[in-house]
Amino acid sequence: AEARYLRLVADRAPAVPVPPLLHHGRHPEL
């Protein structure tokens, strides 16, 4: 959800300062 939020803000509210998303990962062990 946070990955989706960061993409939304970066795309649709760029004046709001949020951390740039570099990677969202999913892994069976990690």
PDB file of all heavy atoms in Angstrom:
ATOM      1  N   ALA A   1       0.832  -1.204   0.000  1.00  0.00           N
ATOM      2  CA  ALA A   1       0.000   0.000   0.000  1.00  0.00           C
ATOM      3  C   ALA A   1       0.867   1.254   0.000  1.00  0.00           C
ATOM      4  O   ALA A   1       0.571   2.229  -0.702  1.00  0.00           O
ATOM      5  CB  ALA A   1      -0.932  -0.003   1.210  1.00  0.00           C
ATOM      6  N   GLU A   2       1.946   1.240   0.769  1.00  0.00           N
ATOM      7  CA  GLU A   2       2.805   2.425   0.777  1.00  0.00           C
ATOM      8  C   GLU A   2       3.463   2.645  -0.585  1.00  0.00           C
ATOM      9  O   GLU A   2       3.611   3.791  -1.034  1.00  0.00           O
ATOM     10  CB  GLU A   2       3.878   2.324   1.856  1.00  0.00           C
ATOM     11  CG  GLU A   2       4.730   3.581   1.914  1.00  0.00           C
ATOM     12  CD  GLU A   2       5.518   3.721   3.194  1.00  0.00           C
ATOM     13  OE1 GLU A   2       5.572   2.765   3.989  1.00  0.00           O
ATOM     14  OE2 GLU A   2       6.095   4.810   3.403  1.00  0.00           O
ATOM     15  N   ALA A   3       3.828   1.574  -1.258  1.00  0.00           N
ATOM     16  CA  ALA A   3       4.392   1.723  -2.604  1.00  0.00           C
ATOM     17  C   ALA A   3       3.364   2.367  -3.535  1.00  0.00           C
ATOM     18  O   ALA A   3       3.704   3.265  -4.320  1.00  0.00           O
ATOM     19  CB  ALA A   3       4.824   0.363  -3.148  1.00  0.00           C
ATOM     20  N   ARG A   4       2.120   1.938  -3.443  1.00  0.00           N
ATOM     21  CA  ARG A   4       1.070   2.530  -4.279  1.00  0.00           C
ATOM     22  C   ARG A   4       0.856   3.993  -3.934  1.00  0.00           C
ATOM     23  O   ARG A   4       0.661   4.826  -4.818  1.00  0.00           O
ATOM     24  CB  ARG A   4      -0.220   1.719  -4.131  1.00  0.00           C
ATOM     25  CG  ARG A   4      -0.099   0.289  -4.651  1.00  0.00           C
ATOM     26  CD  ARG A   4      -1.419  -0.434  -4.670  1.00  0.00           C
ATOM     27  NE  ARG A   4      -1.952  -0.770  -3.368  1.00  0.00           N
ATOM     28  CZ  ARG A   4      -1.650  -1.864  -2.677  1.00  0.00           C
ATOM     29  NH1 ARG A   4      -0.758  -2.724  -3.156  1.00  0.00           N
ATOM     30  NH2 ARG A   4      -2.216  -2.110  -1.512  1.00  0.00           N
ATOM     31  N   TYR A   5       0.885   4.297  -2.633  1.00  0.00           N
ATOM     32  CA  TYR A   5       0.718   5.679  -2.190  1.00  0.00           C
ATOM     33  C   TYR A   5       1.831   6.581  -2.723  1.00  0.00           C
ATOM     34  O   TYR A   5       1.574   7.678  -3.232  1.00  0.00           O
ATOM     35  CB  TYR A   5       0.696   5.713  -0.662  1.00  0.00           C
ATOM     36  CG  TYR A   5       0.831   7.085  -0.048  1.00  0.00           C
ATOM     37  CD1 TYR A   5      -0.259   7.927   0.073  1.00  0.00           C
ATOM     38  CD2 TYR A   5       2.072   7.529   0.420  1.00  0.00           C
ATOM     39  CE1 TYR A   5      -0.130   9.191   0.639  1.00  0.00           C
ATOM     40  CE2 TYR A   5       2.211   8.781   0.984  1.00  0.00           C
ATOM     41  CZ  TYR A   5       1.107   9.610   1.105  1.00  0.00           C
ATOM     42  OH  TYR A   5       1.244  10.848   1.650  1.00  0.00           O
ATOM     43  N   LEU A   6       3.063   6.113  -2.618  1.00  0.00           N
ATOM     44  CA  LEU A   6       4.183   6.932  -3.087  1.00  0.00           C
ATOM     45  C   LEU A   6       4.096   7.189  -4.591  1.00  0.00           C
ATOM     46  O   LEU A   6       4.404   8.297  -5.060  1.00  0.00           O
ATOM     47  CB  LEU A   6       5.506   6.248  -2.736  1.00  0.00           C
ATOM     48  CG  LEU A   6       5.826   6.178  -1.236  1.00  0.00           C
ATOM     49  CD1 LEU A   6       7.083   5.346  -0.998  1.00  0.00           C
ATOM     50  CD2 LEU A   6       5.990   7.577  -0.642  1.00  0.00           C
ATOM     51  N   ARG A   7       3.677   6.191  -5.349  1.00  0.00           N
ATOM     52  CA  ARG A   7       3.507   6.405  -6.788  1.00  0.00           C
ATOM     53  C   ARG A   7       2.384   7.400  -7.070  1.00  0.00           C
ATOM     54  O   ARG A   7       2.514   8.256  -7.959  1.00  0.00           O
ATOM     55  CB  ARG A   7       3.223   5.073  -7.481  1.00  0.00           C
ATOM     56  CG  ARG A   7       4.388   4.084  -7.444  1.00  0.00           C
ATOM     57  CD  ARG A   7       4.088   2.864  -8.296  1.00  0.00           C
ATOM     58  NE  ARG A   7       5.108   1.830  -8.163  1.00  0.00           N
ATOM     59  CZ  ARG A   7       4.963   0.718  -7.466  1.00  0.00           C
ATOM     60  NH1 ARG A   7       3.810   0.464  -6.865  1.00  0.00           N
ATOM     61  NH2 ARG A   7       5.944  -0.169  -7.380  1.00  0.00           N
ATOM     62  N   LEU A   8       1.291   7.283  -6.343  1.00  0.00           N
ATOM     63  CA  LEU A   8       0.160   8.198  -6.520  1.00  0.00           C
ATOM     64  C   LEU A   8       0.576   9.643  -6.252  1.00  0.00           C
ATOM     65  O   LEU A   8       0.271  10.550  -7.034  1.00  0.00           O
ATOM     66  CB  LEU A   8      -0.977   7.816  -5.568  1.00  0.00           C
ATOM     67  CG  LEU A   8      -2.002   6.806  -6.042  1.00  0.00           C
ATOM     68  CD1 LEU A   8      -2.866   6.338  -4.877  1.00  0.00           C
ATOM     69  CD2 LEU A   8      -2.880   7.431  -7.124  1.00  0.00           C
ATOM     70  N   VAL A   9       1.249   9.864  -5.133  1.00  0.00           N
ATOM     71  CA  VAL A   9       1.629  11.223  -4.772  1.00  0.00           C
ATOM     72  C   VAL A   9       2.634  11.787  -5.776  1.00  0.00           C
ATOM     73  O   VAL A   9       2.517  12.938  -6.206  1.00  0.00           O
ATOM     74  CB  VAL A   9       2.186  11.271  -3.338  1.00  0.00           C
ATOM     75  CG1 VAL A   9       2.647  12.690  -2.988  1.00  0.00           C
ATOM     76  CG2 VAL A   9       1.122  10.812  -2.335  1.00  0.00           C
ATOM     77  N   ALA A  10       3.621  10.998  -6.138  1.00  0.00           N
ATOM     78  CA  ALA A  10       4.619  11.469  -7.100  1.00  0.00           C
ATOM     79  C   ALA A  10       3.973  11.845  -8.426  1.00  0.00           C
ATOM     80  O   ALA A  10       4.388  12.819  -9.080  1.00  0.00           O
ATOM     81  CB  ALA A  10       5.682  10.393  -7.317  1.00  0.00           C
ATOM     82  N   ASP A  11       2.945  11.094  -8.820  1.00  0.00           N
ATOM     83  CA  ASP A  11       2.307  11.328 -10.111  1.00  0.00           C
ATOM     84  C   ASP A  11       1.264  12.430 -10.067  1.00  0.00           C
ATOM     85  O   ASP A  11       1.155  13.222 -11.008  1.00  0.00           O
ATOM     86  CB  ASP A  11       1.658  10.024 -10.589  1.00  0.00           C
ATOM     87  CG  ASP A  11       0.981  10.172 -11.948  1.00  0.00           C
ATOM     88  OD1 ASP A  11       1.639  10.670 -12.879  1.00  0.00           O
ATOM     89  OD2 ASP A  11      -0.199   9.794 -12.062  1.00  0.00           O
ATOM     90  N   ARG A  12       0.503  12.522  -8.949  1.00  0.00           N
ATOM     91  CA  ARG A  12      -0.673  13.379  -8.951  1.00  0.00           C
ATOM     92  C   ARG A  12      -0.627  14.516  -7.934  1.00  0.00           C
ATOM     93  O   ARG A  12      -1.478  15.403  -7.972  1.00  0.00           O
ATOM     94  CB  ARG A  12      -1.916  12.511  -8.716  1.00  0.00           C
ATOM     95  CG  ARG A  12      -2.068  11.487  -9.851  1.00  0.00           C
ATOM     96  CD  ARG A  12      -3.116  10.452  -9.599  1.00  0.00           C
ATOM     97  NE  ARG A  12      -4.449  11.016  -9.531  1.00  0.00           N
ATOM     98  CZ  ARG A  12      -5.551  10.296  -9.312  1.00  0.00           C
ATOM     99  NH1 ARG A  12      -5.452   8.979  -9.161  1.00  0.00           N
ATOM    100  NH2 ARG A  12      -6.731  10.877  -9.255  1.00  0.00           N
ATOM    101  N   ALA A  13       0.348  14.511  -7.040  1.00  0.00           N
ATOM    102  CA  ALA A  13       0.519  15.623  -6.099  1.00  0.00           C
ATOM    103  C   ALA A  13       2.000  15.873  -5.881  1.00  0.00           C
ATOM    104  O   ALA A  13       2.501  15.777  -4.764  1.00  0.00           O
ATOM    105  CB  ALA A  13      -0.185  15.316  -4.779  1.00  0.00           C
ATOM    106  N   PRO A  14       2.742  16.199  -6.957  1.00  0.00           N
ATOM    107  CA  PRO A  14       4.203  16.292  -6.856  1.00  0.00           C
ATOM    108  C   PRO A  14       4.693  17.387  -5.913  1.00  0.00           C
ATOM    109  O   PRO A  14       5.860  17.355  -5.509  1.00  0.00           O
ATOM    110  CB  PRO A  14       4.635  16.562  -8.305  1.00  0.00           C
ATOM    111  CG  PRO A  14       3.425  17.123  -8.979  1.00  0.00           C
ATOM    112  CD  PRO A  14       2.253  16.461  -8.327  1.00  0.00           C
ATOM    113  N   ALA A  15       3.827  18.338  -5.552  1.00  0.00           N
ATOM    114  CA  ALA A  15       4.248  19.383  -4.622  1.00  0.00           C
ATOM    115  C   ALA A  15       4.345  18.870  -3.188  1.00  0.00           C
ATOM    116  O   ALA A  15       4.954  19.523  -2.336  1.00  0.00           O
ATOM    117  CB  ALA A  15       3.266  20.551  -4.670  1.00  0.00           C
ATOM    118  N   VAL A  16       3.751  17.717  -2.910  1.00  0.00           N
ATOM    119  CA  VAL A  16       3.812  17.138  -1.568  1.00  0.00           C
ATOM    120  C   VAL A  16       5.114  16.346  -1.453  1.00  0.00           C
ATOM    121  O   VAL A  16       5.336  15.401  -2.209  1.00  0.00           O
ATOM    122  CB  VAL A  16       2.605  16.219  -1.309  1.00  0.00           C
ATOM    123  CG1 VAL A  16       2.694  15.591   0.079  1.00  0.00           C
ATOM    124  CG2 VAL A  16       1.298  17.011  -1.447  1.00  0.00           C
ATOM    125  N   PRO A  17       6.002  16.705  -0.520  1.00  0.00           N
ATOM    126  CA  PRO A  17       7.312  16.042  -0.456  1.00  0.00           C
ATOM    127  C   PRO A  17       7.231  14.654   0.196  1.00  0.00           C
ATOM    128  O   PRO A  17       7.046  14.525   1.406  1.00  0.00           O
ATOM    129  CB  PRO A  17       8.148  17.002   0.400  1.00  0.00           C
ATOM    130  CG  PRO A  17       7.140  17.685   1.289  1.00  0.00           C
ATOM    131  CD  PRO A  17       5.879  17.792   0.478  1.00  0.00           C
ATOM    132  N   VAL A  18       7.346  13.627  -0.619  1.00  0.00           N
ATOM    133  CA  VAL A  18       7.396  12.253  -0.116  1.00  0.00           C
ATOM    134  C   VAL A  18       8.675  11.602  -0.632  1.00  0.00           C
ATOM    135  O   VAL A  18       9.249  12.044  -1.626  1.00  0.00           O
ATOM    136  CB  VAL A  18       6.160  11.431  -0.561  1.00  0.00           C
ATOM    137  CG1 VAL A  18       4.888  12.018   0.024  1.00  0.00           C
ATOM    138  CG2 VAL A  18       6.076  11.334  -2.072  1.00  0.00           C
ATOM    139  N   PRO A  19       9.133  10.549   0.014  1.00  0.00           N
ATOM    140  CA  PRO A  19      10.370   9.907  -0.430  1.00  0.00           C
ATOM    141  C   PRO A  19      10.208   9.278  -1.816  1.00  0.00           C
ATOM    142  O   PRO A  19       9.233   8.576  -2.060  1.00  0.00           O
ATOM    143  CB  PRO A  19      10.614   8.820   0.624  1.00  0.00           C
ATOM    144  CG  PRO A  19       9.764   9.192   1.793  1.00  0.00           C
ATOM    145  CD  PRO A  19       8.590   9.918   1.234  1.00  0.00           C
ATOM    146  N   PRO A  20      11.138   9.506  -2.726  1.00  0.00           N
ATOM    147  CA  PRO A  20      11.097   8.812  -4.015  1.00  0.00           C
ATOM    148  C   PRO A  20      11.202   7.300  -3.825  1.00  0.00           C
ATOM    149  O   PRO A  20      12.084   6.816  -3.107  1.00  0.00           O
ATOM    150  CB  PRO A  20      12.311   9.371  -4.760  1.00  0.00           C
ATOM    151  CG  PRO A  20      12.591  10.690  -4.104  1.00  0.00           C
ATOM    152  CD  PRO A  20      12.219  10.503  -2.666  1.00  0.00           C
ATOM    153  N   LEU A  21      10.292   6.562  -4.446  1.00  0.00           N
ATOM    154  CA  LEU A  21      10.302   5.110  -4.351  1.00  0.00           C
ATOM    155  C   LEU A  21      11.359   4.551  -5.300  1.00  0.00           C
ATOM    156  O   LEU A  21      11.329   4.808  -6.505  1.00  0.00           O
ATOM    157  CB  LEU A  21       8.921   4.553  -4.710  1.00  0.00           C
ATOM    158  CG  LEU A  21       8.776   3.033  -4.725  1.00  0.00           C
ATOM    159  CD1 LEU A  21       8.983   2.451  -3.333  1.00  0.00           C
ATOM    160  CD2 LEU A  21       7.402   2.643  -5.283  1.00  0.00           C
ATOM    161  N   LEU A  22      12.281   3.766  -4.763  1.00  0.00           N
ATOM    162  CA  LEU A  22      13.335   3.156  -5.569  1.00  0.00           C
ATOM    163  C   LEU A  22      13.025   1.713  -5.930  1.00  0.00           C
ATOM    164  O   LEU A  22      13.384   1.247  -7.005  1.00  0.00           O
ATOM    165  CB  LEU A  22      14.673   3.226  -4.821  1.00  0.00           C
ATOM    166  CG  LEU A  22      15.139   4.632  -4.417  1.00  0.00           C
ATOM    167  CD1 LEU A  22      16.438   4.529  -3.621  1.00  0.00           C
ATOM    168  CD2 LEU A  22      15.294   5.517  -5.634  1.00  0.00           C
ATOM    169  N   HIS A  23      12.344   1.013  -5.024  1.00  0.00           N
ATOM    170  CA  HIS A  23      12.046  -0.397  -5.289  1.00  0.00           C
ATOM    171  C   HIS A  23      10.999  -0.892  -4.302  1.00  0.00           C
ATOM    172  O   HIS A  23      11.007  -0.517  -3.129  1.00  0.00           O
ATOM    173  CB  HIS A  23      13.314  -1.255  -5.134  1.00  0.00           C
ATOM    174  CG  HIS A  23      13.119  -2.700  -5.490  1.00  0.00           C
ATOM    175  ND1 HIS A  23      13.083  -3.146  -6.795  1.00  0.00           N
ATOM    176  CD2 HIS A  23      12.938  -3.804  -4.710  1.00  0.00           C
ATOM    177  CE1 HIS A  23      12.905  -4.454  -6.807  1.00  0.00           C
ATOM    178  NE2 HIS A  23      12.806  -4.881  -5.545  1.00  0.00           N
ATOM    179  N   HIS A  24      10.083  -1.710  -4.799  1.00  0.00           N
ATOM    180  CA  HIS A  24       9.160  -2.455  -3.950  1.00  0.00           C
ATOM    181  C   HIS A  24       9.356  -3.919  -4.286  1.00  0.00           C
ATOM    182  O   HIS A  24       9.177  -4.326  -5.439  1.00  0.00           O
ATOM    183  CB  HIS A  24       7.704  -2.036  -4.193  1.00  0.00           C
ATOM    184  CG  HIS A  24       6.714  -2.931  -3.513  1.00  0.00           C
ATOM    185  ND1 HIS A  24       5.535  -3.325  -4.105  1.00  0.00           N
ATOM    186  CD2 HIS A  24       6.741  -3.522  -2.289  1.00  0.00           C
ATOM    187  CE1 HIS A  24       4.866  -4.119  -3.279  1.00  0.00           C
ATOM    188  NE2 HIS A  24       5.572  -4.248  -2.172  1.00  0.00           N
ATOM    189  N   GLY A  25       9.724  -4.703  -3.298  1.00  0.00           N
ATOM    190  CA  GLY A  25      10.032  -6.098  -3.562  1.00  0.00           C
ATOM    191  C   GLY A  25       9.188  -7.065  -2.751  1.00  0.00           C
ATOM    192  O   GLY A  25       8.753  -6.750  -1.641  1.00  0.00           O
ATOM    193  N   ARG A  26       8.970  -8.251  -3.349  1.00  0.00           N
ATOM    194  CA  ARG A  26       8.338  -9.372  -2.650  1.00  0.00           C
ATOM    195  C   ARG A  26       9.143 -10.621  -2.970  1.00  0.00           C
ATOM    196  O   ARG A  26       9.522 -10.833  -4.116  1.00  0.00           O
ATOM    197  CB  ARG A  26       6.892  -9.567  -3.108  1.00  0.00           C
ATOM    198  CG  ARG A  26       5.894  -8.601  -2.517  1.00  0.00           C
ATOM    199  CD  ARG A  26       4.459  -9.077  -2.746  1.00  0.00           C
ATOM    200  NE  ARG A  26       3.507  -8.198  -2.085  1.00  0.00           N
ATOM    201  CZ  ARG A  26       2.833  -7.235  -2.703  1.00  0.00           C
ATOM    202  NH1 ARG A  26       3.014  -7.037  -3.994  1.00  0.00           N
ATOM    203  NH2 ARG A  26       1.986  -6.488  -2.042  1.00  0.00           N
ATOM    204  N   HIS A  27       9.370 -11.425  -1.934  1.00  0.00           N
ATOM    205  CA  HIS A  27      10.185 -12.622  -2.117  1.00  0.00           C
ATOM    206  C   HIS A  27       9.726 -13.658  -1.097  1.00  0.00           C
ATOM    207  O   HIS A  27       9.400 -13.299   0.054  1.00  0.00           O
ATOM    208  CB  HIS A  27      11.668 -12.275  -1.906  1.00  0.00           C
ATOM    209  CG  HIS A  27      12.607 -13.390  -2.201  1.00  0.00           C
ATOM    210  ND1 HIS A  27      12.919 -14.370  -1.280  1.00  0.00           N
ATOM    211  CD2 HIS A  27      13.321 -13.682  -3.330  1.00  0.00           C
ATOM    212  CE1 HIS A  27      13.776 -15.209  -1.809  1.00  0.00           C
ATOM    213  NE2 HIS A  27      14.044 -14.828  -3.043  1.00  0.00           N
ATOM    214  N   PRO A  28       9.674 -14.935  -1.447  1.00  0.00           N
ATOM    215  CA  PRO A  28       9.197 -15.949  -0.503  1.00  0.00           C
ATOM    216  C   PRO A  28       9.952 -15.959   0.817  1.00  0.00           C
ATOM    217  O   PRO A  28       9.371 -16.253   1.867  1.00  0.00           O
ATOM    218  CB  PRO A  28       9.394 -17.258  -1.274  1.00  0.00           C
ATOM    219  CG  PRO A  28       9.368 -16.872  -2.712  1.00  0.00           C
ATOM    220  CD  PRO A  28       9.970 -15.505  -2.777  1.00  0.00           C
ATOM    221  N   GLU A  29      11.243 -15.654   0.781  1.00  0.00           N
ATOM    222  CA  GLU A  29      12.033 -15.678   2.009  1.00  0.00           C
ATOM    223  C   GLU A  29      12.218 -14.289   2.609  1.00  0.00           C
ATOM    224  O   GLU A  29      12.149 -14.113   3.829  1.00  0.00           O
ATOM    225  CB  GLU A  29      13.402 -16.308   1.738  1.00  0.00           C
ATOM    226  CG  GLU A  29      13.333 -17.785   1.338  1.00  0.00           C
ATOM    227  CD  GLU A  29      14.697 -18.370   1.049  1.00  0.00           C
ATOM    228  OE1 GLU A  29      15.701 -17.646   1.232  1.00  0.00           O
ATOM    229  OE2 GLU A  29      14.761 -19.542   0.635  1.00  0.00           O
ATOM    230  N   LEU A  30      12.443 -13.286   1.757  1.00  0.00           N
ATOM    231  CA  LEU A  30      12.681 -11.933   2.260  1.00  0.00           C
ATOM    232  C   LEU A  30      11.395 -11.224   2.661  1.00  0.00           C
ATOM    233  O   LEU A  30      11.412 -10.276   3.439  1.00  0.00           O
ATOM    234  CB  LEU A  30      13.420 -11.102   1.210  1.00  0.00           C
ATOM    235  CG  LEU A  30      14.820 -11.582   0.825  1.00  0.00           C
ATOM    236  CD1 LEU A  30      15.404 -10.717  -0.280  1.00  0.00           C
ATOM    237  CD2 LEU A  30      15.741 -11.589   2.035  1.00  0.00           C
TER     238      LEU A  30
END
